[in-house]
């Protein structure tokens, strides 16, 4: 009986850990989505512009600095 309880407790701990890992991943993804949406809104308001250069990295450039193309 004690052994079953220990196994059950161990399983519960594993499940809780997996749940926490999933929550962390979801939180990070949510933050990424929020950042992307913020950047898109800023682009629409013409505060910044996107530059897709340098091995697919997204460079965010202030509107008044866009003539300076030293990226790599």
C-alpha atoms as a PDB file:
ATOM      1  CA  UNK A   1       0.000   0.000   0.000  1.00  0.00           C
ATOM      2  CA  UNK A   2       2.776   2.399   0.908  1.00  0.00           C
ATOM      3  CA  UNK A   3       4.615   1.519  -2.291  1.00  0.00           C
ATOM      4  CA  UNK A   4       1.527   2.337  -4.393  1.00  0.00           C
ATOM      5  CA  UNK A   5       1.196   5.690  -2.679  1.00  0.00           C
ATOM      6  CA  UNK A   6       4.840   6.464  -3.336  1.00  0.00           C
ATOM      7  CA  UNK A   7       4.454   5.560  -7.006  1.00  0.00           C
ATOM      8  CA  UNK A   8       1.311   7.631  -7.270  1.00  0.00           C
ATOM      9  CA  UNK A   9       3.051  10.579  -5.641  1.00  0.00           C
ATOM     10  CA  UNK A  10       5.993  10.217  -8.000  1.00  0.00           C
ATOM     11  CA  UNK A  11       3.634  10.126 -10.998  1.00  0.00           C
ATOM     12  CA  UNK A  12       1.845  13.208  -9.711  1.00  0.00           C
ATOM     13  CA  UNK A  13       5.152  15.033  -9.384  1.00  0.00           C
ATOM     14  CA  UNK A  14       6.099  14.096 -12.951  1.00  0.00           C
ATOM     15  CA  UNK A  15       2.752  15.292 -14.235  1.00  0.00           C
ATOM     16  CA  UNK A  16       3.077  18.547 -12.331  1.00  0.00           C
ATOM     17  CA  UNK A  17       6.558  19.082 -13.746  1.00  0.00           C
ATOM     18  CA  UNK A  18       5.314  18.419 -17.289  1.00  0.00           C
ATOM     19  CA  UNK A  19       2.442  20.806 -16.726  1.00  0.00           C
ATOM     20  CA  UNK A  20       4.854  23.497 -15.543  1.00  0.00           C
ATOM     21  CA  UNK A  21       7.098  22.974 -18.573  1.00  0.00           C
ATOM     22  CA  UNK A  22       4.123  23.301 -20.904  1.00  0.00           C
ATOM     23  CA  UNK A  23       2.993  26.463 -19.132  1.00  0.00           C
ATOM     24  CA  UNK A  24       6.463  27.949 -19.489  1.00  0.00           C
ATOM     25  CA  UNK A  25       6.523  27.161 -23.217  1.00  0.00           C
ATOM     26  CA  UNK A  26       3.073  28.651 -23.672  1.00  0.00           C
ATOM     27  CA  UNK A  27       4.076  31.760 -21.749  1.00  0.00           C
ATOM     28  CA  UNK A  28       7.141  32.243 -23.939  1.00  0.00           C
ATOM     29  CA  UNK A  29       5.083  31.774 -27.088  1.00  0.00           C
ATOM     30  CA  UNK A  30       2.486  34.245 -25.824  1.00  0.00           C
ATOM     31  CA  UNK A  31       5.219  36.803 -25.146  1.00  0.00           C
ATOM     32  CA  UNK A  32       6.617  36.268 -28.657  1.00  0.00           C
ATOM     33  CA  UNK A  33       3.171  36.800 -30.157  1.00  0.00           C
ATOM     34  CA  UNK A  34       2.659  39.963 -28.116  1.00  0.00           C
ATOM     35  CA  UNK A  35       6.040  41.333 -29.196  1.00  0.00           C
ATOM     36  CA  UNK A  36       5.306  40.567 -32.844  1.00  0.00           C
ATOM     37  CA  UNK A  37       1.928  42.276 -32.633  1.00  0.00           C
ATOM     38  CA  UNK A  38       3.489  45.322 -31.000  1.00  0.00           C
ATOM     39  CA  UNK A  39       6.087  45.530 -33.765  1.00  0.00           C
ATOM     40  CA  UNK A  40       3.371  45.215 -36.400  1.00  0.00           C
ATOM     41  CA  UNK A  41       1.391  48.037 -34.805  1.00  0.00           C
ATOM     42  CA  UNK A  42       4.487  50.217 -34.670  1.00  0.00           C
ATOM     43  CA  UNK A  43       5.186  49.519 -38.336  1.00  0.00           C
ATOM     44  CA  UNK A  44       1.628  50.477 -39.225  1.00  0.00           C
ATOM     45  CA  UNK A  45       2.086  53.730 -37.327  1.00  0.00           C
ATOM     46  CA  UNK A  46       5.360  54.216 -39.225  1.00  0.00           C
ATOM     47  CA  UNK A  47       7.398  54.529 -36.068  1.00  0.00           C
ATOM     48  CA  UNK A  48       9.780  51.828 -37.186  1.00  0.00           C
ATOM     49  CA  UNK A  49      10.374  49.727 -40.260  1.00  0.00           C
ATOM     50  CA  UNK A  50      11.330  46.110 -40.651  1.00  0.00           C
ATOM     51  CA  UNK A  51      14.484  45.074 -42.396  1.00  0.00           C
ATOM     52  CA  UNK A  52      14.835  41.424 -43.305  1.00  0.00           C
ATOM     53  CA  UNK A  53      18.543  40.936 -43.784  1.00  0.00           C
ATOM     54  CA  UNK A  54      21.584  39.241 -42.283  1.00  0.00           C
ATOM     55  CA  UNK A  55      20.645  35.537 -42.410  1.00  0.00           C
ATOM     56  CA  UNK A  56      16.924  35.913 -41.825  1.00  0.00           C
ATOM     57  CA  UNK A  57      17.308  37.902 -38.618  1.00  0.00           C
ATOM     58  CA  UNK A  58      14.702  40.585 -38.200  1.00  0.00           C
ATOM     59  CA  UNK A  59      16.281  43.939 -37.659  1.00  0.00           C
ATOM     60  CA  UNK A  60      14.111  46.620 -36.179  1.00  0.00           C
ATOM     61  CA  UNK A  61      15.343  50.044 -37.113  1.00  0.00           C
ATOM     62  CA  UNK A  62      14.173  53.375 -35.831  1.00  0.00           C
ATOM     63  CA  UNK A  63      12.646  55.390 -38.639  1.00  0.00           C
ATOM     64  CA  UNK A  64      15.355  58.064 -38.624  1.00  0.00           C
ATOM     65  CA  UNK A  65      18.219  55.527 -38.595  1.00  0.00           C
ATOM     66  CA  UNK A  66      17.169  53.563 -41.653  1.00  0.00           C
ATOM     67  CA  UNK A  67      19.813  55.018 -43.955  1.00  0.00           C
ATOM     68  CA  UNK A  68      22.564  53.429 -41.896  1.00  0.00           C
ATOM     69  CA  UNK A  69      22.753  49.936 -43.422  1.00  0.00           C
ATOM     70  CA  UNK A  70      25.667  48.473 -41.451  1.00  0.00           C
ATOM     71  CA  UNK A  71      24.032  45.224 -40.495  1.00  0.00           C
ATOM     72  CA  UNK A  72      26.530  42.389 -40.576  1.00  0.00           C
END
